[in-house]
Amino acid sequence: MATIRNVCVYCGSSAGADPRFGDAAEALGRALATAGIGLVFGGGEEGLMGRVAHAALAAGGRVVGVIPNFLIRKEHALKEAQELIVVDSMHHRKQLMFERADAFVALPGGVGTLEELVEQLTWTQLLRHAKPVLIADLFGFWRPLLSLFAHMREQGFIRSGFELRYLVAERIEEIVPMLAAAAARRGPETTSFSEA
C-alpha cells in the first residue's frame, strides 16, 4: 500500500479576508504533524503559508520550505523550518515541491496558488503522475473554480480519457483520511513522473 509521507500545501502568502482561513490553515498544520506527515510548502512565513507551517512546527511536525531567492525578503523565509531550500526560480521551486511531496492540498489563495493547483491537475490529466490532489473548498472558497471545471466539461474542453482527477474536502478533518484512502487505492505499483 502506498503511504503519504509528505504533503505539499499550496496556499496564500496573504491572510485573506476571512479569519477562518487562518484558523483552518493552522488546523491543517496540526493535523499533518499529528498524523506524522511532513509539510512541504513555499517557504514563507506570511499569510496562510506561515500559519500552516508554524502550526505544524508547534505540533512537532517536520517542515520543508522551498523559496526562490527573490522572495526571501518579500515573503520572509521561515528560518525555523527543519529544511529551507533556496532556489533561483519559480520553476525550480515547483519542481522540488513536486519531488518532495506524495500528495498536494490547495487551501485558499491567490493567483499563485491557483497556478500551482492547476499545474498539478494538468499533470494528472496527462498521466504525468498519480499523486493525490485535494482541493480544500473551505467555506465555499473554491466553488467558482469547481463550477468552471463543470462548465469546461459541458463545453467539451475536458474530454473523455482526459478527466480531471482531484478530491474535494470541505472540512480540514477530512483531508488526511481522504489522502490516505486515495494513496491506498493508488497502490505501490503506480509510478510518479516529474515534468521533464
Protein backbone atom coordinates (compact mmCIF):
# COMPACT_ATOMS: atom_id res chain seq x y z
CA MET A 1 0.00 0.00 0.00
CA ALA A 2 1.29 3.47 -0.90
CA THR A 3 1.72 5.85 2.02
CA ILE A 4 1.63 9.61 2.36
CA ARG A 5 4.88 10.75 3.97
CA ASN A 6 4.88 14.40 2.89
CA VAL A 7 2.11 16.69 1.70
CA CYS A 8 2.70 19.83 -0.33
CA VAL A 9 0.31 22.58 0.70
CA TYR A 10 -0.38 25.42 -1.71
CA CYS A 11 -1.95 28.50 -0.11
CA GLY A 12 -1.88 32.26 0.04
CA SER A 13 1.03 34.33 1.25
CA SER A 14 -1.75 36.68 2.40
CA ALA A 15 -4.16 36.06 5.25
CA GLY A 16 -7.31 36.58 3.20
CA ALA A 17 -10.44 38.47 4.21
CA ASP A 18 -11.99 35.68 6.28
CA PRO A 19 -10.23 34.93 9.59
CA ARG A 20 -11.49 31.34 9.36
CA PHE A 21 -8.95 30.72 6.58
CA GLY A 22 -6.06 31.24 9.01
CA ASP A 23 -7.66 29.04 11.63
CA ALA A 24 -8.13 26.32 9.01
CA ALA A 25 -4.51 26.61 7.88
CA GLU A 26 -3.35 26.12 11.47
CA ALA A 27 -5.69 23.16 11.89
CA LEU A 28 -4.20 21.54 8.78
CA GLY A 29 -0.65 22.07 10.04
CA ARG A 30 -1.54 20.40 13.33
CA ALA A 31 -3.38 17.55 11.57
CA LEU A 32 -0.39 16.77 9.37
CA ALA A 33 2.01 16.82 12.32
CA THR A 34 -0.29 14.64 14.45
CA ALA A 35 -0.51 12.10 11.62
CA GLY A 36 3.29 12.05 11.27
CA ILE A 37 3.09 13.61 7.81
CA GLY A 38 5.68 16.19 6.79
CA LEU A 39 4.72 19.55 5.32
CA VAL A 40 6.26 20.82 2.09
CA PHE A 41 5.37 24.44 1.39
CA GLY A 42 6.52 27.65 -0.28
CA GLY A 43 8.94 28.63 2.48
CA GLY A 44 7.49 31.97 3.59
CA GLU A 45 6.06 32.90 6.95
CA GLU A 46 3.49 35.42 5.70
CA GLY A 47 -0.23 34.75 5.42
CA LEU A 48 -1.70 31.27 5.33
CA MET A 49 1.70 29.84 4.37
CA GLY A 50 3.15 30.97 7.67
CA ARG A 51 0.13 29.86 9.67
CA VAL A 52 0.16 26.27 8.36
CA ALA A 53 3.95 25.96 8.81
CA HIS A 54 4.11 27.46 12.30
CA ALA A 55 1.25 25.23 13.45
CA ALA A 56 2.95 22.14 12.07
CA LEU A 57 6.21 23.05 13.82
CA ALA A 58 4.43 23.81 17.10
CA ALA A 59 2.81 20.36 16.95
CA GLY A 60 6.17 18.66 16.47
CA GLY A 61 5.92 18.20 12.71
CA ARG A 62 8.60 18.25 10.05
CA VAL A 63 8.55 21.24 7.69
CA VAL A 64 10.39 21.71 4.40
CA GLY A 65 10.20 25.14 2.80
CA VAL A 66 11.21 25.87 -0.79
CA ILE A 67 11.57 29.54 -1.67
CA PRO A 68 13.12 31.46 -4.57
CA ASN A 69 15.86 33.85 -3.54
CA PHE A 70 13.93 36.88 -4.85
CA LEU A 71 11.07 36.15 -2.42
CA ILE A 72 13.16 35.70 0.75
CA ARG A 73 12.59 39.28 1.93
CA LYS A 74 9.12 39.74 0.47
CA GLU A 75 7.63 36.58 1.99
CA HIS A 76 10.02 36.43 4.97
CA ALA A 77 11.56 32.97 4.68
CA LEU A 78 10.67 30.69 7.59
CA LYS A 79 14.07 30.05 9.14
CA GLU A 80 12.61 27.72 11.80
CA ALA A 81 11.81 25.06 9.19
CA GLN A 82 13.93 21.94 9.57
CA GLU A 83 14.89 22.36 5.94
CA LEU A 84 14.75 25.62 3.98
CA ILE A 85 15.77 25.28 0.36
CA VAL A 86 16.59 28.47 -1.55
CA VAL A 87 16.28 28.19 -5.33
CA ASP A 88 16.81 30.51 -8.29
CA SER A 89 13.41 30.32 -9.99
CA MET A 90 9.73 29.60 -9.55
CA HIS A 91 10.10 26.64 -11.90
CA HIS A 92 12.78 25.08 -9.70
CA ARG A 93 10.66 25.76 -6.61
CA LYS A 94 7.66 23.96 -8.06
CA GLN A 95 9.77 21.05 -9.28
CA LEU A 96 11.35 20.48 -5.85
CA MET A 97 7.99 20.78 -4.10
CA PHE A 98 6.61 18.19 -6.52
CA GLU A 99 9.54 15.81 -5.94
CA ARG A 100 9.34 16.10 -2.15
CA ALA A 101 5.58 15.51 -1.92
CA ASP A 102 3.39 12.41 -2.06
CA ALA A 103 0.18 14.46 -2.31
CA PHE A 104 -0.99 18.05 -2.79
CA VAL A 105 -3.54 20.21 -0.96
CA ALA A 106 -4.79 23.60 -2.13
CA LEU A 107 -6.03 25.88 0.65
CA PRO A 108 -7.46 29.31 -0.22
CA GLY A 109 -5.02 31.58 -2.00
CA GLY A 110 -4.46 33.89 -4.92
CA VAL A 111 -3.22 33.57 -8.49
CA GLY A 112 -0.01 31.77 -7.45
CA THR A 113 -1.97 29.14 -5.52
CA LEU A 114 -4.34 28.72 -8.45
CA GLU A 115 -1.44 28.32 -10.88
CA GLU A 116 0.23 25.67 -8.71
CA LEU A 117 -3.03 23.75 -8.29
CA VAL A 118 -3.92 23.86 -11.98
CA GLU A 119 -0.44 22.70 -12.93
CA GLN A 120 -0.83 19.58 -10.76
CA LEU A 121 -4.29 18.95 -12.20
CA THR A 122 -2.86 19.22 -15.71
CA TRP A 123 -0.07 16.77 -14.90
CA THR A 124 -2.54 14.22 -13.52
CA GLN A 125 -4.83 14.77 -16.51
CA LEU A 126 -1.91 13.98 -18.83
CA LEU A 127 -0.90 10.98 -16.64
CA ARG A 128 2.43 12.52 -15.71
CA HIS A 129 1.84 11.47 -12.10
CA ALA A 130 -0.81 9.82 -9.94
CA LYS A 131 -0.23 11.62 -6.65
CA PRO A 132 -3.48 12.69 -4.96
CA VAL A 133 -4.51 16.33 -5.47
CA LEU A 134 -7.03 17.70 -2.98
CA ILE A 135 -8.92 20.98 -3.20
CA ALA A 136 -9.82 22.24 0.28
CA ASP A 137 -13.07 24.03 -0.56
CA LEU A 138 -13.28 25.72 2.82
CA PHE A 139 -16.36 27.90 3.27
CA GLY A 140 -17.00 27.61 -0.47
CA PHE A 141 -13.77 29.37 -1.48
CA TRP A 142 -13.06 27.14 -4.50
CA ARG A 143 -16.72 26.74 -5.56
CA PRO A 144 -16.36 29.14 -8.54
CA LEU A 145 -13.39 27.11 -9.80
CA LEU A 146 -15.27 23.83 -9.41
CA SER A 147 -18.15 25.37 -11.34
CA LEU A 148 -15.70 26.43 -14.07
CA PHE A 149 -14.42 22.84 -14.32
CA ALA A 150 -18.02 21.65 -14.74
CA HIS A 151 -18.55 24.31 -17.44
CA MET A 152 -15.39 23.15 -19.25
CA ARG A 153 -16.74 19.58 -19.23
CA GLU A 154 -20.13 20.69 -20.52
CA GLN A 155 -18.48 22.66 -23.32
CA GLY A 156 -16.33 19.71 -24.41
CA PHE A 157 -12.95 21.02 -23.26
CA ILE A 158 -12.44 18.24 -20.71
CA ARG A 159 -12.87 15.15 -22.86
CA SER A 160 -13.37 11.52 -22.01
CA GLY A 161 -9.98 9.99 -21.26
CA PHE A 162 -8.64 13.36 -20.05
CA GLU A 163 -10.71 13.77 -16.92
CA LEU A 164 -9.51 15.97 -14.09
CA ARG A 165 -8.56 13.86 -11.10
CA TYR A 166 -8.97 15.61 -7.77
CA LEU A 167 -10.51 15.25 -4.34
CA VAL A 168 -12.61 17.91 -2.65
CA ALA A 169 -12.79 18.36 1.12
CA GLU A 170 -14.96 20.96 2.83
CA ARG A 171 -13.53 20.44 6.31
CA ILE A 172 -9.91 20.21 7.49
CA GLU A 173 -10.53 16.99 9.40
CA GLU A 174 -11.46 15.24 6.14
CA ILE A 175 -8.13 15.94 4.43
CA VAL A 176 -5.71 13.43 5.96
CA PRO A 177 -8.17 10.48 5.79
CA MET A 178 -9.06 11.32 2.17
CA LEU A 179 -5.40 11.48 1.14
CA ALA A 180 -4.65 8.20 2.94
CA ALA A 181 -7.57 6.48 1.21
CA ALA A 182 -6.50 7.83 -2.19
CA ALA A 183 -2.95 6.63 -1.64
CA ALA A 184 -4.21 3.17 -0.64
CA ARG A 185 -6.27 2.94 -3.84
CA ARG A 186 -3.29 4.10 -5.90
CA GLY A 187 -1.15 1.24 -4.66
CA PRO A 188 2.64 0.82 -4.77
CA GLU A 189 2.82 -0.05 -8.47
CA THR A 190 1.99 3.48 -9.61
CA THR A 191 4.97 5.43 -10.84
CA SER A 192 5.12 9.19 -10.38
CA PHE A 193 6.60 11.30 -13.12
CA SER A 194 8.22 14.69 -12.96
CA GLU A 195 7.71 17.27 -15.66
CA ALA A 196 10.68 16.66 -17.93
